[in-house]
């Protein structure tokens, strides 16, 4: 079956007056079945543990002042302090 630039069959319902293709046709059922399912963010190989920690207000303010990613920078600073 010939396809157009959008990789759709030439006789696809999208070429008609109707704007949406009939997704119950074998062509679309096959494409939908082959489509990979991607939900959410990929799982990290090394996961982190959620916890509560009390920090001095000044320490927290300084890390937050450095902008987005401040939690990761706190994590790195703690890791550097305990892992040699």
Protein backbone atom coordinates (compact mmCIF):
# COMPACT_ATOMS: atom_id res chain seq x y z
CA UNK A 1 0.00 0.00 0.00
CA UNK A 2 1.54 3.39 -0.95
CA UNK A 3 2.17 5.91 1.79
CA UNK A 4 2.40 9.69 1.78
CA UNK A 5 4.96 11.96 3.50
CA UNK A 6 3.40 11.38 6.93
CA UNK A 7 3.86 7.62 6.51
CA UNK A 8 0.11 7.10 6.23
CA UNK A 9 -1.70 5.07 3.58
CA UNK A 10 -2.76 7.19 0.61
CA UNK A 11 -6.33 5.95 0.90
CA UNK A 12 -6.37 6.76 4.63
CA UNK A 13 -9.53 8.43 5.97
CA UNK A 14 -7.42 11.47 6.86
CA UNK A 15 -7.39 12.33 3.16
CA UNK A 16 -11.17 12.58 3.23
CA UNK A 17 -13.31 15.38 4.65
CA UNK A 18 -13.09 13.83 8.12
CA UNK A 19 -10.09 15.14 10.07
CA UNK A 20 -9.51 12.01 12.13
CA UNK A 21 -8.58 8.55 10.85
CA UNK A 22 -10.63 5.50 11.79
CA UNK A 23 -8.36 3.90 14.39
CA UNK A 24 -10.28 0.62 14.25
CA UNK A 25 -8.88 -0.23 10.79
CA UNK A 26 -6.29 -3.02 10.62
CA UNK A 27 -3.60 -0.52 9.59
CA UNK A 28 -4.00 1.56 12.74
CA UNK A 29 -4.60 -1.43 15.03
CA UNK A 30 -1.26 -2.86 13.88
CA UNK A 31 0.58 0.45 14.36
CA UNK A 32 -0.91 0.98 17.81
CA UNK A 33 -0.03 -2.57 18.86
CA UNK A 34 3.60 -2.08 17.75
CA UNK A 35 4.01 1.31 19.45
CA UNK A 36 6.26 1.18 22.51
CA UNK A 37 4.62 2.03 25.80
CA UNK A 38 6.45 4.87 27.54
CA UNK A 39 5.02 5.93 30.87
CA UNK A 40 6.76 8.30 33.22
CA UNK A 41 10.43 8.76 33.76
CA UNK A 42 12.84 5.86 33.24
CA UNK A 43 13.78 4.04 36.43
CA UNK A 44 17.13 5.06 37.85
CA UNK A 45 19.74 2.35 38.35
CA UNK A 46 20.63 3.83 41.73
CA UNK A 47 17.60 5.00 43.66
CA UNK A 48 17.50 7.48 46.50
CA UNK A 49 15.73 7.24 49.84
CA UNK A 50 13.26 9.89 50.92
CA UNK A 51 14.00 11.20 54.40
CA UNK A 52 13.53 14.21 56.64
CA UNK A 53 16.54 16.16 57.85
CA UNK A 54 16.79 19.34 59.90
CA UNK A 55 19.36 21.83 58.63
CA UNK A 56 20.40 25.25 59.81
CA UNK A 57 18.37 27.96 58.09
CA UNK A 58 21.56 29.64 56.88
CA UNK A 59 22.86 26.43 55.29
CA UNK A 60 19.56 25.81 53.54
CA UNK A 61 19.31 29.43 52.38
CA UNK A 62 22.80 29.31 50.85
CA UNK A 63 22.07 26.12 48.90
CA UNK A 64 18.67 27.43 47.72
CA UNK A 65 20.30 30.69 46.60
CA UNK A 66 22.40 28.73 44.10
CA UNK A 67 19.22 27.99 42.09
CA UNK A 68 17.58 24.82 40.79
CA UNK A 69 19.34 21.60 41.71
CA UNK A 70 20.13 22.72 45.26
CA UNK A 71 18.94 19.40 46.71
CA UNK A 72 21.33 17.49 44.45
CA UNK A 73 24.15 19.81 45.52
CA UNK A 74 23.36 19.15 49.20
CA UNK A 75 23.42 15.42 48.43
CA UNK A 76 26.81 15.78 46.71
CA UNK A 77 28.24 17.82 49.59
CA UNK A 78 27.12 15.20 52.11
CA UNK A 79 28.42 12.36 49.93
CA UNK A 80 31.81 14.10 49.57
CA UNK A 81 31.96 14.59 53.35
CA UNK A 82 31.39 10.92 54.23
CA UNK A 83 32.84 9.03 51.25
CA UNK A 84 36.53 9.46 50.66
